[in-house]
Amino acid sequence: MSNLGGFAERPAYLRFLPDFLFRQDEPPLPYILKGWVLALLPSLALSVLAGLVASPTAEIPDIPVQGSSSLLLLIVVGPLLETLILLPMVLGFRRLLGPGPAVLLGALLWAIGHSLAAPIWGLVVWWPFLLFSIAILTWRDRGLLPTVAVVTTIHGLQNATAGLLLLVQGQA
């Protein structure tokens, strides 16, 4: 098992990211918690920034957070399905283009996909999907189940925080 998981060498344009993201030599839980914080804080900053520069008529994503079934979809089902779609994409791009371009392209495609629902949303989700893509390549050497579990859990925590913020703001 290499220290850099799916990365033979970290590309220069990803060197600003913390080392832990590219290592799977610690237990999954610390990786998940650090990955969640690293995904969440810049996402919140991007969300605030996007809200400040967007026009007042800009379309925002409509995420209904009402009841336990919508929370289950937001926190468990959505992240699991998106991970199961993202995983073969990133692994395929890695095979064709290498790990650096694979994670950038994976994040870009998810940003574009989310932008179809609301353009401003794509600006916010590219960051966490970059980290999810890196986690896929980092954890893939541990097997499919640990990879899916780590990425889905980070994504689920991200969505749980967004859902909680929507509930607190009364926008749900």
N, C-alpha and C. Protein backbone atom coordinates (compact mmCIF):
# COMPACT_ATOMS: atom_id res chain seq x y z
N MET A 1 0.84 -1.18 0.00
CA MET A 1 0.00 0.00 0.00
C MET A 1 0.89 1.24 0.00
N SER A 2 0.72 2.08 -1.01
CA SER A 2 1.56 3.28 -1.11
C SER A 2 1.05 4.35 -0.16
N ASN A 3 1.92 5.27 0.18
CA ASN A 3 1.53 6.36 1.06
C ASN A 3 0.57 7.32 0.39
N LEU A 4 0.58 7.39 -0.93
CA LEU A 4 -0.27 8.33 -1.64
C LEU A 4 -1.48 7.67 -2.28
N GLY A 5 -1.87 6.50 -1.84
CA GLY A 5 -3.05 5.85 -2.38
C GLY A 5 -3.00 5.78 -3.89
N GLY A 6 -3.98 6.36 -4.56
CA GLY A 6 -4.07 6.33 -6.02
C GLY A 6 -3.18 7.34 -6.71
N PHE A 7 -2.39 8.07 -5.97
CA PHE A 7 -1.50 9.07 -6.54
C PHE A 7 -0.07 8.57 -6.44
N ALA A 8 0.57 8.32 -7.56
CA ALA A 8 1.98 7.95 -7.54
C ALA A 8 2.79 9.13 -7.02
N GLU A 9 2.37 10.32 -7.44
CA GLU A 9 2.99 11.56 -6.98
C GLU A 9 1.90 12.63 -7.03
N ARG A 10 1.84 13.45 -6.02
CA ARG A 10 0.81 14.49 -5.98
C ARG A 10 1.15 15.58 -6.98
N PRO A 11 0.21 15.92 -7.88
CA PRO A 11 0.47 16.99 -8.85
C PRO A 11 0.73 18.32 -8.15
N ALA A 12 1.56 19.16 -8.75
CA ALA A 12 1.93 20.44 -8.16
C ALA A 12 0.71 21.29 -7.83
N TYR A 13 -0.31 21.25 -8.69
CA TYR A 13 -1.49 22.09 -8.47
C TYR A 13 -2.39 21.58 -7.36
N LEU A 14 -2.07 20.42 -6.77
CA LEU A 14 -2.82 19.92 -5.61
C LEU A 14 -1.98 19.95 -4.33
N ARG A 15 -0.77 20.49 -4.40
CA ARG A 15 0.12 20.48 -3.25
C ARG A 15 -0.31 21.43 -2.14
N PHE A 16 -1.22 22.35 -2.43
CA PHE A 16 -1.71 23.25 -1.39
C PHE A 16 -2.64 22.54 -0.43
N LEU A 17 -3.12 21.37 -0.81
CA LEU A 17 -4.04 20.61 0.04
C LEU A 17 -3.26 19.86 1.12
N PRO A 18 -3.89 19.64 2.27
CA PRO A 18 -3.18 18.94 3.36
C PRO A 18 -2.80 17.51 2.98
N ASP A 19 -1.69 17.07 3.52
CA ASP A 19 -1.16 15.74 3.23
C ASP A 19 -2.14 14.61 3.57
N PHE A 20 -2.91 14.76 4.66
CA PHE A 20 -3.76 13.66 5.08
C PHE A 20 -4.71 13.21 3.98
N LEU A 21 -5.12 14.13 3.10
CA LEU A 21 -6.07 13.79 2.03
C LEU A 21 -5.54 12.70 1.11
N PHE A 22 -4.26 12.62 0.98
CA PHE A 22 -3.64 11.70 0.03
C PHE A 22 -3.08 10.45 0.71
N ARG A 23 -3.37 10.29 1.99
CA ARG A 23 -2.84 9.16 2.74
C ARG A 23 -3.99 8.36 3.35
N GLN A 24 -3.87 7.05 3.31
CA GLN A 24 -4.87 6.21 3.96
C GLN A 24 -4.20 5.30 4.97
N ASP A 25 -3.16 5.85 5.64
CA ASP A 25 -2.45 5.06 6.64
C ASP A 25 -2.93 5.36 8.06
N GLU A 26 -4.06 6.04 8.18
CA GLU A 26 -4.69 6.24 9.48
C GLU A 26 -6.08 5.61 9.41
N PRO A 27 -6.73 5.41 10.55
CA PRO A 27 -8.08 4.84 10.50
C PRO A 27 -9.04 5.75 9.74
N PRO A 28 -10.11 5.18 9.20
CA PRO A 28 -11.05 5.99 8.41
C PRO A 28 -11.70 7.15 9.16
N LEU A 29 -12.05 6.97 10.43
CA LEU A 29 -12.80 8.01 11.14
C LEU A 29 -12.06 9.35 11.20
N PRO A 30 -10.79 9.40 11.59
CA PRO A 30 -10.10 10.71 11.56
C PRO A 30 -10.04 11.31 10.16
N TYR A 31 -9.83 10.47 9.14
CA TYR A 31 -9.82 10.95 7.76
C TYR A 31 -11.18 11.56 7.41
N ILE A 32 -12.25 10.86 7.76
CA ILE A 32 -13.60 11.33 7.47
C ILE A 32 -13.86 12.67 8.14
N LEU A 33 -13.53 12.77 9.42
CA LEU A 33 -13.81 14.02 10.15
C LEU A 33 -12.99 15.19 9.61
N LYS A 34 -11.72 14.96 9.34
CA LYS A 34 -10.88 16.03 8.78
C LYS A 34 -11.34 16.36 7.35
N GLY A 35 -11.70 15.34 6.58
CA GLY A 35 -12.18 15.57 5.22
C GLY A 35 -13.47 16.37 5.20
N TRP A 36 -14.35 16.07 6.15
CA TRP A 36 -15.62 16.80 6.24
C TRP A 36 -15.38 18.27 6.55
N VAL A 37 -14.53 18.56 7.52
CA VAL A 37 -14.23 19.95 7.87
C VAL A 37 -13.59 20.67 6.69
N LEU A 38 -12.67 19.98 6.02
CA LEU A 38 -12.00 20.58 4.86
C LEU A 38 -12.97 20.80 3.70
N ALA A 39 -13.96 19.97 3.57
CA ALA A 39 -14.98 20.16 2.53
C ALA A 39 -15.96 21.26 2.94
N LEU A 40 -16.34 21.25 4.20
CA LEU A 40 -17.40 22.13 4.68
C LEU A 40 -17.02 23.61 4.73
N LEU A 41 -15.92 23.92 5.38
CA LEU A 41 -15.60 25.34 5.62
C LEU A 41 -15.42 26.13 4.33
N PRO A 42 -14.63 25.66 3.37
CA PRO A 42 -14.55 26.40 2.10
C PRO A 42 -15.89 26.43 1.35
N SER A 43 -16.69 25.36 1.47
CA SER A 43 -18.00 25.36 0.82
C SER A 43 -18.90 26.45 1.39
N LEU A 44 -18.86 26.60 2.71
CA LEU A 44 -19.65 27.66 3.33
C LEU A 44 -19.17 29.03 2.88
N ALA A 45 -17.85 29.21 2.82
CA ALA A 45 -17.29 30.48 2.36
C ALA A 45 -17.68 30.74 0.90
N LEU A 46 -17.59 29.71 0.06
CA LEU A 46 -17.99 29.86 -1.34
C LEU A 46 -19.47 30.19 -1.46
N SER A 47 -20.28 29.59 -0.60
CA SER A 47 -21.71 29.84 -0.62
C SER A 47 -22.02 31.30 -0.27
N VAL A 48 -21.36 31.79 0.76
CA VAL A 48 -21.56 33.19 1.16
C VAL A 48 -21.08 34.12 0.05
N LEU A 49 -19.91 33.84 -0.49
CA LEU A 49 -19.35 34.66 -1.57
C LEU A 49 -20.26 34.65 -2.80
N ALA A 50 -20.73 33.47 -3.17
CA ALA A 50 -21.62 33.36 -4.33
C ALA A 50 -22.90 34.14 -4.09
N GLY A 51 -23.41 34.07 -2.86
CA GLY A 51 -24.62 34.81 -2.52
C GLY A 51 -24.41 36.32 -2.59
N LEU A 52 -23.21 36.77 -2.25
CA LEU A 52 -22.91 38.21 -2.28
C LEU A 52 -22.77 38.74 -3.70
N VAL A 53 -22.19 37.93 -4.58
CA VAL A 53 -21.94 38.43 -5.94
C VAL A 53 -23.06 38.08 -6.92
N ALA A 54 -23.93 37.17 -6.55
CA ALA A 54 -25.02 36.79 -7.45
C ALA A 54 -26.09 37.87 -7.46
N SER A 55 -26.79 37.92 -8.54
CA SER A 55 -27.89 38.89 -8.61
C SER A 55 -29.01 38.42 -7.68
N PRO A 56 -29.81 39.35 -7.22
CA PRO A 56 -30.91 38.97 -6.32
C PRO A 56 -31.90 37.99 -6.96
N THR A 57 -31.92 37.95 -8.28
CA THR A 57 -32.84 37.04 -8.96
C THR A 57 -32.19 35.71 -9.32
N ALA A 58 -30.94 35.50 -8.89
CA ALA A 58 -30.25 34.25 -9.21
C ALA A 58 -31.00 33.07 -8.61
N GLU A 59 -31.09 32.03 -9.40
CA GLU A 59 -31.77 30.83 -8.94
C GLU A 59 -30.90 30.09 -7.93
N ILE A 60 -31.50 29.74 -6.81
CA ILE A 60 -30.78 28.97 -5.80
C ILE A 60 -31.39 27.57 -5.75
N PRO A 61 -30.62 26.59 -5.30
CA PRO A 61 -31.17 25.23 -5.27
C PRO A 61 -32.32 25.12 -4.28
N ASP A 62 -33.31 24.39 -4.68
CA ASP A 62 -34.46 24.15 -3.82
C ASP A 62 -34.27 22.76 -3.21
N ILE A 63 -33.86 22.74 -1.97
CA ILE A 63 -33.61 21.47 -1.28
C ILE A 63 -34.64 21.36 -0.16
N PRO A 64 -35.71 20.63 -0.40
CA PRO A 64 -36.73 20.51 0.66
C PRO A 64 -36.23 19.60 1.78
N VAL A 65 -36.16 20.16 2.97
CA VAL A 65 -35.75 19.39 4.14
C VAL A 65 -36.95 19.36 5.08
N GLN A 66 -37.80 18.36 4.83
CA GLN A 66 -39.02 18.24 5.62
C GLN A 66 -39.22 16.77 5.97
N GLY A 67 -39.11 16.48 7.22
CA GLY A 67 -39.36 15.13 7.67
C GLY A 67 -38.17 14.20 7.52
N SER A 68 -38.33 13.03 8.11
CA SER A 68 -37.22 12.08 8.15
C SER A 68 -36.90 11.47 6.79
N SER A 69 -37.90 11.31 5.93
CA SER A 69 -37.61 10.71 4.62
C SER A 69 -36.76 11.64 3.75
N SER A 70 -37.00 12.93 3.80
CA SER A 70 -36.17 13.84 3.00
C SER A 70 -34.77 13.94 3.60
N LEU A 71 -34.67 13.86 4.92
CA LEU A 71 -33.35 13.86 5.55
C LEU A 71 -32.58 12.60 5.17
N LEU A 72 -33.27 11.46 5.13
CA LEU A 72 -32.63 10.21 4.72
C LEU A 72 -32.11 10.32 3.29
N LEU A 73 -32.90 10.91 2.41
CA LEU A 73 -32.46 11.10 1.03
C LEU A 73 -31.27 12.04 0.95
N LEU A 74 -31.31 13.12 1.71
CA LEU A 74 -30.26 14.13 1.69
C LEU A 74 -28.95 13.63 2.29
N ILE A 75 -29.04 12.85 3.36
CA ILE A 75 -27.85 12.48 4.12
C ILE A 75 -27.30 11.11 3.76
N VAL A 76 -28.16 10.19 3.34
CA VAL A 76 -27.70 8.82 3.07
C VAL A 76 -27.83 8.43 1.59
N VAL A 77 -29.02 8.49 1.07
CA VAL A 77 -29.28 7.98 -0.28
C VAL A 77 -28.56 8.82 -1.34
N GLY A 78 -28.72 10.12 -1.29
CA GLY A 78 -28.07 11.00 -2.27
C GLY A 78 -26.56 10.84 -2.29
N PRO A 79 -25.90 10.96 -1.13
CA PRO A 79 -24.44 10.78 -1.12
C PRO A 79 -24.00 9.40 -1.60
N LEU A 80 -24.75 8.36 -1.24
CA LEU A 80 -24.37 7.02 -1.68
C LEU A 80 -24.50 6.89 -3.20
N LEU A 81 -25.62 7.35 -3.76
CA LEU A 81 -25.81 7.27 -5.21
C LEU A 81 -24.77 8.11 -5.95
N GLU A 82 -24.52 9.32 -5.46
CA GLU A 82 -23.54 10.16 -6.14
C GLU A 82 -22.13 9.58 -6.04
N THR A 83 -21.82 8.95 -4.92
CA THR A 83 -20.51 8.28 -4.79
C THR A 83 -20.41 7.13 -5.77
N LEU A 84 -21.49 6.35 -5.90
CA LEU A 84 -21.47 5.20 -6.82
C LEU A 84 -21.38 5.63 -8.28
N ILE A 85 -21.79 6.84 -8.59
CA ILE A 85 -21.64 7.38 -9.94
C ILE A 85 -20.24 8.00 -10.10
N LEU A 86 -19.80 8.74 -9.09
CA LEU A 86 -18.50 9.42 -9.15
C LEU A 86 -17.35 8.43 -9.20
N LEU A 87 -17.42 7.35 -8.45
CA LEU A 87 -16.32 6.40 -8.34
C LEU A 87 -15.85 5.85 -9.69
N PRO A 88 -16.72 5.27 -10.52
CA PRO A 88 -16.22 4.77 -11.80
C PRO A 88 -15.76 5.89 -12.74
N MET A 89 -16.38 7.08 -12.61
CA MET A 89 -15.92 8.21 -13.43
C MET A 89 -14.48 8.56 -13.10
N VAL A 90 -14.20 8.75 -11.83
CA VAL A 90 -12.86 9.16 -11.40
C VAL A 90 -11.84 8.07 -11.73
N LEU A 91 -12.20 6.82 -11.48
CA LEU A 91 -11.27 5.73 -11.78
C LEU A 91 -11.02 5.62 -13.29
N GLY A 92 -12.06 5.84 -14.08
CA GLY A 92 -11.89 5.83 -15.54
C GLY A 92 -11.04 6.98 -16.03
N PHE A 93 -11.30 8.17 -15.50
CA PHE A 93 -10.49 9.33 -15.87
C PHE A 93 -9.04 9.14 -15.44
N ARG A 94 -8.84 8.51 -14.28
CA ARG A 94 -7.48 8.26 -13.81
C ARG A 94 -6.74 7.36 -14.78
N ARG A 95 -7.42 6.34 -15.24
CA ARG A 95 -6.81 5.40 -16.18
C ARG A 95 -6.43 6.11 -17.48
N LEU A 96 -7.30 7.02 -17.93
CA LEU A 96 -7.07 7.71 -19.21
C LEU A 96 -6.12 8.90 -19.10
N LEU A 97 -6.24 9.66 -18.00
CA LEU A 97 -5.57 10.96 -17.91
C LEU A 97 -4.57 11.11 -16.78
N GLY A 98 -4.62 10.21 -15.81
CA GLY A 98 -3.80 10.33 -14.61
C GLY A 98 -4.62 10.87 -13.46
N PRO A 99 -4.09 10.78 -12.24
CA PRO A 99 -4.88 11.12 -11.06
C PRO A 99 -5.24 12.60 -10.92
N GLY A 100 -4.31 13.50 -11.19
CA GLY A 100 -4.61 14.93 -11.05
C GLY A 100 -5.75 15.37 -11.95
N PRO A 101 -5.64 15.15 -13.26
CA PRO A 101 -6.74 15.51 -14.15
C PRO A 101 -8.04 14.77 -13.80
N ALA A 102 -7.93 13.55 -13.31
CA ALA A 102 -9.13 12.78 -12.97
C ALA A 102 -9.94 13.46 -11.88
N VAL A 103 -9.27 13.93 -10.83
CA VAL A 103 -10.02 14.56 -9.75
C VAL A 103 -10.56 15.92 -10.16
N LEU A 104 -9.80 16.65 -10.98
CA LEU A 104 -10.29 17.94 -11.47
C LEU A 104 -11.49 17.77 -12.38
N LEU A 105 -11.42 16.80 -13.28
CA LEU A 105 -12.52 16.57 -14.21
C LEU A 105 -13.75 16.04 -13.49
N GLY A 106 -13.55 15.14 -12.53
CA GLY A 106 -14.68 14.64 -11.74
C GLY A 106 -15.41 15.77 -11.03
N ALA A 107 -14.67 16.65 -10.38
CA ALA A 107 -15.26 17.79 -9.67
C ALA A 107 -15.96 18.74 -10.63
N LEU A 108 -15.32 18.99 -11.77
CA LEU A 108 -15.91 19.89 -12.77
C LEU A 108 -17.23 19.36 -13.31
N LEU A 109 -17.27 18.08 -13.60
CA LEU A 109 -18.52 17.49 -14.13
C LEU A 109 -19.64 17.53 -13.11
N TRP A 110 -19.33 17.30 -11.84
CA TRP A 110 -20.37 17.38 -10.81
C TRP A 110 -20.80 18.83 -10.61
N ALA A 111 -19.89 19.77 -10.73
CA ALA A 111 -20.26 21.19 -10.63
C ALA A 111 -21.20 21.56 -11.78
N ILE A 112 -20.88 21.10 -12.97
CA ILE A 112 -21.74 21.38 -14.12
C ILE A 112 -23.11 20.74 -13.92
N GLY A 113 -23.12 19.50 -13.46
CA GLY A 113 -24.38 18.81 -13.21
C GLY A 113 -25.24 19.53 -12.19
N HIS A 114 -24.65 19.99 -11.11
CA HIS A 114 -25.41 20.72 -10.10
C HIS A 114 -25.83 22.10 -10.62
N SER A 115 -25.03 22.67 -11.52
CA SER A 115 -25.38 23.96 -12.10
C SER A 115 -26.63 23.88 -12.97
N LEU A 116 -26.92 22.72 -13.49
CA LEU A 116 -28.13 22.57 -14.29
C LEU A 116 -29.38 22.81 -13.45
N ALA A 117 -29.30 22.48 -12.17
CA ALA A 117 -30.42 22.74 -11.26
C ALA A 117 -30.45 24.20 -10.83
N ALA A 118 -29.29 24.74 -10.54
CA ALA A 118 -29.16 26.15 -10.14
C ALA A 118 -27.70 26.55 -10.37
N PRO A 119 -27.44 27.50 -11.28
CA PRO A 119 -26.05 27.84 -11.62
C PRO A 119 -25.16 28.13 -10.42
N ILE A 120 -25.66 28.82 -9.44
CA ILE A 120 -24.85 29.18 -8.28
C ILE A 120 -24.42 27.94 -7.49
N TRP A 121 -25.22 26.89 -7.55
CA TRP A 121 -24.93 25.66 -6.83
C TRP A 121 -23.64 25.01 -7.33
N GLY A 122 -23.44 25.04 -8.63
CA GLY A 122 -22.23 24.46 -9.21
C GLY A 122 -20.97 25.13 -8.71
N LEU A 123 -21.05 26.44 -8.45
CA LEU A 123 -19.89 27.17 -7.93
C LEU A 123 -19.52 26.70 -6.53
N VAL A 124 -20.51 26.26 -5.79
CA VAL A 124 -20.29 25.86 -4.40
C VAL A 124 -19.86 24.41 -4.28
N VAL A 125 -20.42 23.51 -5.12
CA VAL A 125 -20.16 22.08 -4.94
C VAL A 125 -18.86 21.59 -5.58
N TRP A 126 -18.22 22.38 -6.42
CA TRP A 126 -17.00 21.87 -7.05
C TRP A 126 -15.94 21.54 -6.01
N TRP A 127 -15.84 22.33 -4.94
CA TRP A 127 -14.82 22.09 -3.92
C TRP A 127 -15.01 20.75 -3.21
N PRO A 128 -16.19 20.48 -2.62
CA PRO A 128 -16.31 19.18 -1.96
C PRO A 128 -16.17 18.01 -2.93
N PHE A 129 -16.63 18.17 -4.17
CA PHE A 129 -16.47 17.06 -5.12
C PHE A 129 -15.02 16.87 -5.53
N LEU A 130 -14.21 17.91 -5.47
CA LEU A 130 -12.77 17.73 -5.67
C LEU A 130 -12.22 16.84 -4.56
N LEU A 131 -12.60 17.14 -3.31
CA LEU A 131 -12.13 16.35 -2.18
C LEU A 131 -12.69 14.93 -2.21
N PHE A 132 -13.95 14.76 -2.60
CA PHE A 132 -14.52 13.41 -2.71
C PHE A 132 -13.74 12.60 -3.76
N SER A 133 -13.39 13.25 -4.85
CA SER A 133 -12.64 12.57 -5.92
C SER A 133 -11.25 12.16 -5.44
N ILE A 134 -10.60 13.04 -4.69
CA ILE A 134 -9.30 12.70 -4.12
C ILE A 134 -9.43 11.53 -3.15
N ALA A 135 -10.47 11.56 -2.33
CA ALA A 135 -10.68 10.47 -1.37
C ALA A 135 -10.90 9.14 -2.09
N ILE A 136 -11.57 9.17 -3.22
CA ILE A 136 -11.77 7.94 -4.00
C ILE A 136 -10.42 7.35 -4.39
N LEU A 137 -9.56 8.18 -4.95
CA LEU A 137 -8.26 7.67 -5.39
C LEU A 137 -7.37 7.29 -4.20
N THR A 138 -7.49 8.01 -3.11
CA THR A 138 -6.69 7.71 -1.93
C THR A 138 -7.09 6.39 -1.29
N TRP A 139 -8.39 6.12 -1.19
CA TRP A 139 -8.88 4.95 -0.46
C TRP A 139 -9.12 3.73 -1.35
N ARG A 140 -9.01 3.85 -2.66
CA ARG A 140 -9.35 2.72 -3.53
C ARG A 140 -8.47 1.50 -3.30
N ASP A 141 -7.24 1.70 -2.83
CA ASP A 141 -6.36 0.57 -2.54
C ASP A 141 -6.86 -0.28 -1.37
N ARG A 142 -7.70 0.30 -0.53
CA ARG A 142 -8.26 -0.42 0.61
C ARG A 142 -9.47 -1.26 0.22
N GLY A 143 -9.96 -1.07 -0.99
CA GLY A 143 -11.10 -1.84 -1.47
C GLY A 143 -12.30 -0.96 -1.76
N LEU A 144 -13.25 -1.53 -2.45
CA LEU A 144 -14.44 -0.80 -2.87
C LEU A 144 -15.30 -0.36 -1.68
N LEU A 145 -15.57 -1.26 -0.76
CA LEU A 145 -16.44 -0.93 0.37
C LEU A 145 -15.85 0.19 1.25
N PRO A 146 -14.57 0.11 1.65
CA PRO A 146 -14.04 1.24 2.44
C PRO A 146 -14.04 2.55 1.67
N THR A 147 -13.77 2.50 0.38
CA THR A 147 -13.78 3.72 -0.44
C THR A 147 -15.16 4.34 -0.45
N VAL A 148 -16.16 3.52 -0.75
CA VAL A 148 -17.55 4.03 -0.79
C VAL A 148 -17.97 4.53 0.59
N ALA A 149 -17.60 3.82 1.63
CA ALA A 149 -17.99 4.22 2.99
C ALA A 149 -17.36 5.56 3.37
N VAL A 150 -16.08 5.75 3.10
CA VAL A 150 -15.39 6.99 3.46
C VAL A 150 -15.98 8.17 2.69
N VAL A 151 -16.10 8.03 1.38
CA VAL A 151 -16.58 9.14 0.56
C VAL A 151 -18.05 9.45 0.86
N THR A 152 -18.87 8.43 0.98
CA THR A 152 -20.30 8.63 1.27
C THR A 152 -20.48 9.30 2.63
N THR A 153 -19.68 8.91 3.61
CA THR A 153 -19.82 9.50 4.94
C THR A 153 -19.41 10.97 4.96
N ILE A 154 -18.31 11.31 4.30
CA ILE A 154 -17.91 12.72 4.21
C ILE A 154 -19.02 13.52 3.52
N HIS A 155 -19.52 12.99 2.42
CA HIS A 155 -20.58 13.66 1.66
C HIS A 155 -21.86 13.77 2.50
N GLY A 156 -22.20 12.71 3.21
CA GLY A 156 -23.39 12.74 4.06
C GLY A 156 -23.28 13.77 5.16
N LEU A 157 -22.12 13.89 5.78
CA LEU A 157 -21.91 14.91 6.80
C LEU A 157 -22.03 16.31 6.20
N GLN A 158 -21.49 16.47 5.02
CA GLN A 158 -21.59 17.75 4.30
C GLN A 158 -23.07 18.11 4.09
N ASN A 159 -23.83 17.15 3.57
CA ASN A 159 -25.24 17.39 3.30
C ASN A 159 -26.04 17.58 4.59
N ALA A 160 -25.68 16.85 5.65
CA ALA A 160 -26.37 17.00 6.93
C ALA A 160 -26.20 18.41 7.46
N THR A 161 -25.00 18.95 7.32
CA THR A 161 -24.74 20.31 7.78
C THR A 161 -25.55 21.31 6.96
N ALA A 162 -25.56 21.12 5.64
CA ALA A 162 -26.36 22.01 4.77
C ALA A 162 -27.85 21.91 5.14
N GLY A 163 -28.34 20.70 5.35
CA GLY A 163 -29.73 20.52 5.73
C GLY A 163 -30.06 21.18 7.05
N LEU A 164 -29.16 21.05 8.01
CA LEU A 164 -29.37 21.68 9.31
C LEU A 164 -29.39 23.20 9.18
N LEU A 165 -28.48 23.75 8.37
CA LEU A 165 -28.46 25.20 8.16
C LEU A 165 -29.75 25.67 7.49
N LEU A 166 -30.26 24.90 6.54
CA LEU A 166 -31.53 25.26 5.90
C LEU A 166 -32.68 25.24 6.91
N LEU A 167 -32.68 24.23 7.77
CA LEU A 167 -33.73 24.17 8.79
C LEU A 167 -33.65 25.35 9.75
N VAL A 168 -32.43 25.69 10.17
CA VAL A 168 -32.24 26.80 11.10
C VAL A 168 -32.65 28.12 10.45
N GLN A 169 -32.34 28.27 9.17
CA GLN A 169 -32.67 29.52 8.46
C GLN A 169 -34.15 29.59 8.11
N GLY A 170 -34.86 28.48 8.25
CA GLY A 170 -36.27 28.45 7.92
C GLY A 170 -36.56 28.43 6.45
N GLN A 171 -35.56 28.02 5.63
CA GLN A 171 -35.74 27.98 4.19
C GLN A 171 -36.20 26.61 3.74
N ALA A 172 -36.34 25.70 4.64
CA ALA A 172 -36.72 24.34 4.24
C ALA A 172 -38.21 24.20 4.14
